[in-house]
Amino acid sequence: MNVALRKPLTVPQFLAWEERQALRYEFDGFQPLAMTGGTVAHATVQRNLAITVGGRLRGTPCRFYGSDLKIEAAGSIRYPDGFVVCSRPANAGTLVTDPVVVFEILSESTAHTDLTVKNAEYRATPSIRRYVILEQTHIAALVFARHGEDWLSQVLTGADAVLALPEVGIELPLGELYADLDLTDPAPEAAPA
């Protein structure tokens, strides 16, 4: 059996290739990965992140950005659902190399990547001080924070839980990220008799 082995792309090769694509792609350090669409719940939480985190950062040196911009993390290129940067990226820039806080919104299709692969990449990126993984089916967050050489986790649940982001000087009730989202599970439709 003859198997062709591909050489992995470098980050500069990927970035040059992606500029010519109609769709957005992430890069796992080896190959491009097409980005897929989300759900209403995902979009609602992402919108609330921009409003809540972005609003609290107004007037500070830090800024919130959504998934229109990409970040470099441990040799990979990712489009997180949101992130905070405290440097000043160029207005025409599309890549940020020094995010401080990163947010991902968990879904069934991204759970493994968000919990393990991206977690390792973000942990290996010194500028990233906090990684927040938000559920979209209930009010909960898994928060990883850098404490010296350690990467510690904390689980937050419920609308009154406080998401502290001391790296950027803000705190917010977790429930604000779920505003306007109906989290009640509709009863399944009965099967016809």
Protein backbone atom coordinates (compact mmCIF):
# COMPACT_ATOMS: atom_id res chain seq x y z
CA MET A 1 0.00 0.00 0.00
CA ASN A 2 1.37 3.38 -0.99
CA VAL A 3 0.50 6.19 1.45
CA ALA A 4 1.45 9.76 0.67
CA LEU A 5 2.75 11.63 3.69
CA ARG A 6 2.08 15.36 3.74
CA LYS A 7 4.44 17.80 5.33
CA PRO A 8 2.71 19.90 7.93
CA LEU A 9 2.14 23.53 7.04
CA THR A 10 3.99 26.21 8.94
CA VAL A 11 2.03 29.04 10.56
CA PRO A 12 3.15 31.55 7.88
CA GLN A 13 2.17 29.09 5.10
CA PHE A 14 -1.25 28.56 6.70
CA LEU A 15 -1.85 32.31 7.13
CA ALA A 16 -0.96 32.97 3.47
CA TRP A 17 -3.21 30.10 2.34
CA GLU A 18 -6.13 31.17 4.56
CA GLU A 19 -6.10 34.73 3.19
CA ARG A 20 -7.17 33.29 -0.18
CA GLN A 21 -10.05 31.20 1.20
CA ALA A 22 -13.72 32.15 1.24
CA LEU A 23 -14.32 30.26 4.50
CA ARG A 24 -12.57 30.60 7.85
CA TYR A 25 -10.20 27.89 9.02
CA GLU A 26 -8.36 27.14 12.22
CA PHE A 27 -4.90 25.57 12.12
CA ASP A 28 -3.94 22.79 14.54
CA GLY A 29 -0.21 23.03 13.87
CA PHE A 30 -0.45 20.51 11.02
CA GLN A 31 -3.48 21.15 8.81
CA PRO A 32 -6.37 23.59 8.22
CA LEU A 33 -9.68 22.82 9.95
CA ALA A 34 -12.88 24.34 8.50
CA MET A 35 -14.99 26.36 10.92
CA THR A 36 -18.65 25.43 11.22
CA GLY A 37 -21.74 27.41 12.14
CA GLY A 38 -23.28 27.57 15.60
CA THR A 39 -26.63 27.53 17.38
CA VAL A 40 -28.91 30.31 18.62
CA ALA A 41 -27.76 29.53 22.18
CA HIS A 42 -24.10 29.80 21.13
CA ALA A 43 -24.71 33.10 19.32
CA THR A 44 -26.64 34.51 22.29
CA VAL A 45 -23.88 33.69 24.79
CA GLN A 46 -21.27 35.08 22.39
CA ARG A 47 -23.24 38.31 21.94
CA ASN A 48 -23.61 38.63 25.71
CA LEU A 49 -19.85 38.15 26.12
CA ALA A 50 -19.19 41.06 23.79
CA ILE A 51 -21.74 43.30 25.54
CA THR A 52 -20.87 42.36 29.12
CA VAL A 53 -17.10 41.95 28.97
CA GLY A 54 -16.59 44.60 26.30
CA GLY A 55 -18.72 47.10 28.20
CA ARG A 56 -16.85 46.61 31.46
CA LEU A 57 -13.51 47.07 29.67
CA ARG A 58 -14.51 50.40 28.11
CA GLY A 59 -12.04 53.08 29.20
CA THR A 60 -9.33 50.56 30.15
CA PRO A 61 -6.27 49.55 28.12
CA CYS A 62 -7.85 46.13 27.42
CA ARG A 63 -10.31 45.26 24.63
CA PHE A 64 -12.71 42.38 23.97
CA TYR A 65 -12.76 40.82 20.50
CA GLY A 66 -15.01 38.11 19.08
CA SER A 67 -14.48 35.30 16.64
CA ASP A 68 -13.77 37.60 13.69
CA LEU A 69 -10.12 37.73 14.77
CA LYS A 70 -7.74 34.84 15.19
CA ILE A 71 -5.12 34.20 17.84
CA GLU A 72 -1.87 32.28 17.78
CA ALA A 73 -1.55 29.76 20.60
CA ALA A 74 1.32 27.27 20.88
CA GLY A 75 1.86 27.03 17.12
CA SER A 76 -1.85 26.77 16.31
CA ILE A 77 -4.19 29.40 14.90
CA ARG A 78 -7.59 29.59 16.58
CA TYR A 79 -10.76 31.66 16.29
CA PRO A 80 -11.97 31.66 19.91
CA ASP A 81 -15.53 32.72 20.64
CA GLY A 82 -14.06 35.70 22.44
CA PHE A 83 -10.85 37.00 23.95
CA VAL A 84 -9.36 39.98 25.72
CA VAL A 85 -6.11 41.62 24.70
CA CYS A 86 -4.40 44.48 26.54
CA SER A 87 -1.97 45.47 23.79
CA ARG A 88 -2.94 47.57 20.78
CA PRO A 89 -3.27 45.43 17.64
CA ALA A 90 -3.04 47.28 14.33
CA ASN A 91 -6.44 48.30 12.92
CA ALA A 92 -5.80 46.21 9.79
CA GLY A 93 -4.54 43.23 11.80
CA THR A 94 -6.28 39.88 11.67
CA LEU A 95 -4.01 37.91 14.05
CA VAL A 96 -3.43 38.59 17.75
CA THR A 97 -0.43 36.94 19.37
CA ASP A 98 -0.85 38.01 23.00
CA PRO A 99 -4.40 37.38 24.27
CA VAL A 100 -4.79 37.54 28.05
CA VAL A 101 -8.22 35.90 28.58
CA VAL A 102 -9.80 33.44 26.12
CA PHE A 103 -13.45 32.32 25.98
CA GLU A 104 -14.87 29.26 24.25
CA ILE A 105 -18.53 28.22 24.22
CA LEU A 106 -18.85 24.46 24.55
CA SER A 107 -20.91 22.34 22.17
CA GLU A 108 -21.13 18.61 21.58
CA SER A 109 -19.07 18.88 18.41
CA THR A 110 -16.29 20.99 19.99
CA ALA A 111 -16.15 19.56 23.52
CA HIS A 112 -13.07 17.37 23.03
CA THR A 113 -11.12 20.09 21.23
CA ASP A 114 -12.11 22.84 23.71
CA LEU A 115 -11.51 20.75 26.84
CA THR A 116 -8.28 19.03 25.85
CA VAL A 117 -6.58 20.27 22.68
CA LYS A 118 -7.21 24.00 23.02
CA ASN A 119 -6.77 23.79 26.78
CA ALA A 120 -3.22 22.47 26.27
CA GLU A 121 -2.51 25.12 23.61
CA TYR A 122 -3.77 27.96 25.80
CA ARG A 123 -1.90 26.63 28.83
CA ALA A 124 1.31 26.59 26.73
CA THR A 125 0.82 30.24 25.66
CA PRO A 126 2.38 32.50 28.34
CA SER A 127 0.24 35.57 27.58
CA ILE A 128 -2.99 33.64 28.28
CA ARG A 129 -3.69 34.02 31.99
CA ARG A 130 -7.26 32.67 32.03
CA TYR A 131 -9.30 30.32 29.83
CA VAL A 132 -13.09 30.30 30.32
CA ILE A 133 -15.21 27.52 28.83
CA LEU A 134 -18.92 28.38 28.89
CA GLU A 135 -21.77 25.90 28.61
CA GLN A 136 -24.59 26.79 26.25
CA THR A 137 -27.29 24.52 27.71
CA HIS A 138 -27.12 25.78 31.30
CA ILE A 139 -25.46 28.54 33.32
CA ALA A 140 -22.02 27.12 34.02
CA ALA A 141 -18.37 27.79 33.33
CA LEU A 142 -15.14 25.85 33.66
CA VAL A 143 -12.39 28.36 34.35
CA PHE A 144 -8.66 27.66 34.05
CA ALA A 145 -6.25 30.21 35.50
CA ARG A 146 -2.51 30.52 35.59
CA HIS A 147 -1.05 30.65 39.12
CA GLY A 148 2.72 30.69 38.81
CA GLU A 149 3.61 27.45 37.04
CA ASP A 150 0.22 25.87 37.77
CA TRP A 151 -2.92 25.85 35.60
CA LEU A 152 -5.77 25.59 38.10
CA SER A 153 -9.43 24.93 37.36
CA GLN A 154 -12.64 26.11 38.96
CA VAL A 155 -16.27 25.28 38.17
CA LEU A 156 -18.86 28.06 38.39
CA THR A 157 -22.59 27.33 38.27
CA GLY A 158 -25.72 29.42 38.57
CA ALA A 159 -26.66 32.95 37.62
CA ASP A 160 -25.25 34.44 40.85
CA ALA A 161 -21.79 32.87 40.51
CA VAL A 162 -19.17 35.57 39.93
CA LEU A 163 -16.73 35.22 37.06
CA ALA A 164 -13.63 37.06 38.23
CA LEU A 165 -11.17 38.22 35.58
CA PRO A 166 -8.49 39.87 37.77
CA GLU A 167 -6.03 39.89 34.85
CA VAL A 168 -8.12 42.63 33.25
CA GLY A 169 -9.66 44.08 36.43
CA ILE A 170 -13.30 43.08 36.07
CA GLU A 171 -15.89 40.74 37.60
CA LEU A 172 -19.35 39.81 36.36
CA PRO A 173 -22.25 37.63 37.44
CA LEU A 174 -22.24 34.53 35.27
CA GLY A 175 -25.96 34.98 34.63
CA GLU A 176 -25.29 38.11 32.54
CA LEU A 177 -23.69 35.91 29.89
CA TYR A 178 -26.97 34.00 29.53
CA ALA A 179 -29.35 36.99 29.35
CA ASP A 180 -32.21 36.54 26.84
CA LEU A 181 -31.51 32.81 26.55
CA ASP A 182 -34.33 30.39 27.42
CA LEU A 183 -32.59 27.46 29.08
CA THR A 184 -35.73 25.48 29.81
CA ASP A 185 -35.79 22.16 28.05
CA PRO A 186 -38.97 21.82 26.03
CA ALA A 187 -40.79 18.55 26.58
CA PRO A 188 -40.15 16.09 23.78
CA GLU A 189 -43.00 15.71 21.32
CA ALA A 190 -45.10 12.62 21.87
CA ALA A 191 -44.82 9.97 19.21
CA PRO A 192 -47.95 9.42 17.13
CA ALA A 193 -50.09 6.54 18.36
